Amino acid sequence: MVSFACMGTARAKVVKGKIVTRAKFPEGTKLFLVVDKAQPEIELDEDDEKAFDEAMVAVRRGKTIPLETFRAILQRL
């Protein structure tokens, strides 16, 4: 199982079959790689944009829900 709580991020790309990055890691560091695939653009209508903006304001104010609650909501969709 992977714990994301203590993970940092770094960008890299593959050049001639090798991973190349400017990031520096201590010797022996274990890395968890995720392929960054291009995603299609998401088009939001005005209502969706307004809801997103309101949600971001709430998050900045610290009004959030526990991760497990969020996952349960997504599973019901």
Protein backbone atom coordinates (compact mmCIF):
# COMPACT_ATOMS: atom_id res chain seq x y z
CA MET A 1 0.00 0.00 0.00
CA VAL A 2 1.22 3.50 -0.82
CA SER A 3 0.84 6.32 1.70
CA PHE A 4 0.50 9.68 -0.03
CA ALA A 5 0.60 11.67 3.21
CA CYS A 6 4.40 12.00 3.29
CA MET A 7 5.06 12.12 -0.46
CA GLY A 8 6.65 14.95 -2.37
CA THR A 9 6.36 15.51 -6.09
CA ALA A 10 8.86 16.04 -8.88
CA ARG A 11 8.48 16.36 -12.63
CA ALA A 12 10.52 14.22 -15.02
CA LYS A 13 10.49 12.97 -18.57
CA VAL A 14 11.87 9.96 -20.38
CA VAL A 15 14.80 10.68 -22.69
CA LYS A 16 16.30 7.76 -24.65
CA GLY A 17 14.64 5.31 -22.27
CA LYS A 18 15.90 6.93 -19.05
CA ILE A 19 14.05 9.08 -16.52
CA VAL A 20 15.49 12.60 -16.46
CA THR A 21 14.69 15.18 -13.78
CA ARG A 22 16.30 18.22 -12.16
CA ALA A 23 15.08 17.04 -8.74
CA LYS A 24 17.68 15.80 -6.26
CA PHE A 25 17.01 12.77 -4.06
CA PRO A 26 19.10 11.21 -1.31
CA GLU A 27 20.84 7.94 -2.22
CA GLY A 28 18.47 4.99 -1.81
CA THR A 29 15.29 7.04 -2.13
CA LYS A 30 12.39 4.91 -3.39
CA LEU A 31 10.23 6.55 -6.04
CA PHE A 32 6.59 5.92 -6.95
CA LEU A 33 6.06 6.91 -10.58
CA VAL A 34 2.78 7.94 -12.15
CA VAL A 35 2.51 8.40 -15.91
CA ASP A 36 1.26 11.89 -16.73
CA LYS A 37 -1.05 11.38 -19.69
CA ALA A 38 -2.60 14.30 -21.50
CA GLN A 39 -6.22 14.70 -20.46
CA PRO A 40 -9.01 16.20 -22.54
CA GLU A 41 -10.08 19.68 -21.56
CA ILE A 42 -13.12 19.94 -19.34
CA GLU A 43 -15.78 22.39 -20.42
CA LEU A 44 -17.90 23.85 -17.63
CA ASP A 45 -21.13 25.74 -18.05
CA GLU A 46 -21.79 28.85 -15.96
CA ASP A 47 -23.52 26.89 -13.17
CA ASP A 48 -20.63 24.43 -12.91
CA GLU A 49 -18.07 27.26 -12.85
CA LYS A 50 -20.01 29.05 -10.10
CA ALA A 51 -20.28 25.83 -8.05
CA PHE A 52 -16.56 25.17 -8.48
CA ASP A 53 -15.64 28.72 -7.41
CA GLU A 54 -17.89 28.47 -4.35
CA ALA A 55 -16.36 25.12 -3.42
CA MET A 56 -12.84 26.53 -3.66
CA VAL A 57 -13.78 29.42 -1.36
CA ALA A 58 -15.18 26.92 1.15
CA VAL A 59 -11.98 24.84 1.01
CA ARG A 60 -9.83 27.92 1.60
CA ARG A 61 -11.96 28.67 4.67
CA GLY A 62 -11.31 25.15 5.97
CA LYS A 63 -14.83 23.91 5.34
CA THR A 64 -14.11 20.41 4.11
CA ILE A 65 -15.36 16.86 4.64
CA PRO A 66 -13.35 13.79 5.63
CA LEU A 67 -11.79 11.86 2.74
CA GLU A 68 -13.82 8.73 3.51
CA THR A 69 -17.05 10.73 3.27
CA PHE A 70 -15.96 12.13 -0.09
CA ARG A 71 -15.11 8.65 -1.36
CA ALA A 72 -18.52 7.37 -0.27
CA ILE A 73 -20.20 10.19 -2.17
CA LEU A 74 -18.21 9.37 -5.32
CA GLN A 75 -19.07 5.71 -5.08
CA ARG A 76 -22.79 6.57 -5.05
CA LEU A 77 -22.50 8.51 -8.33
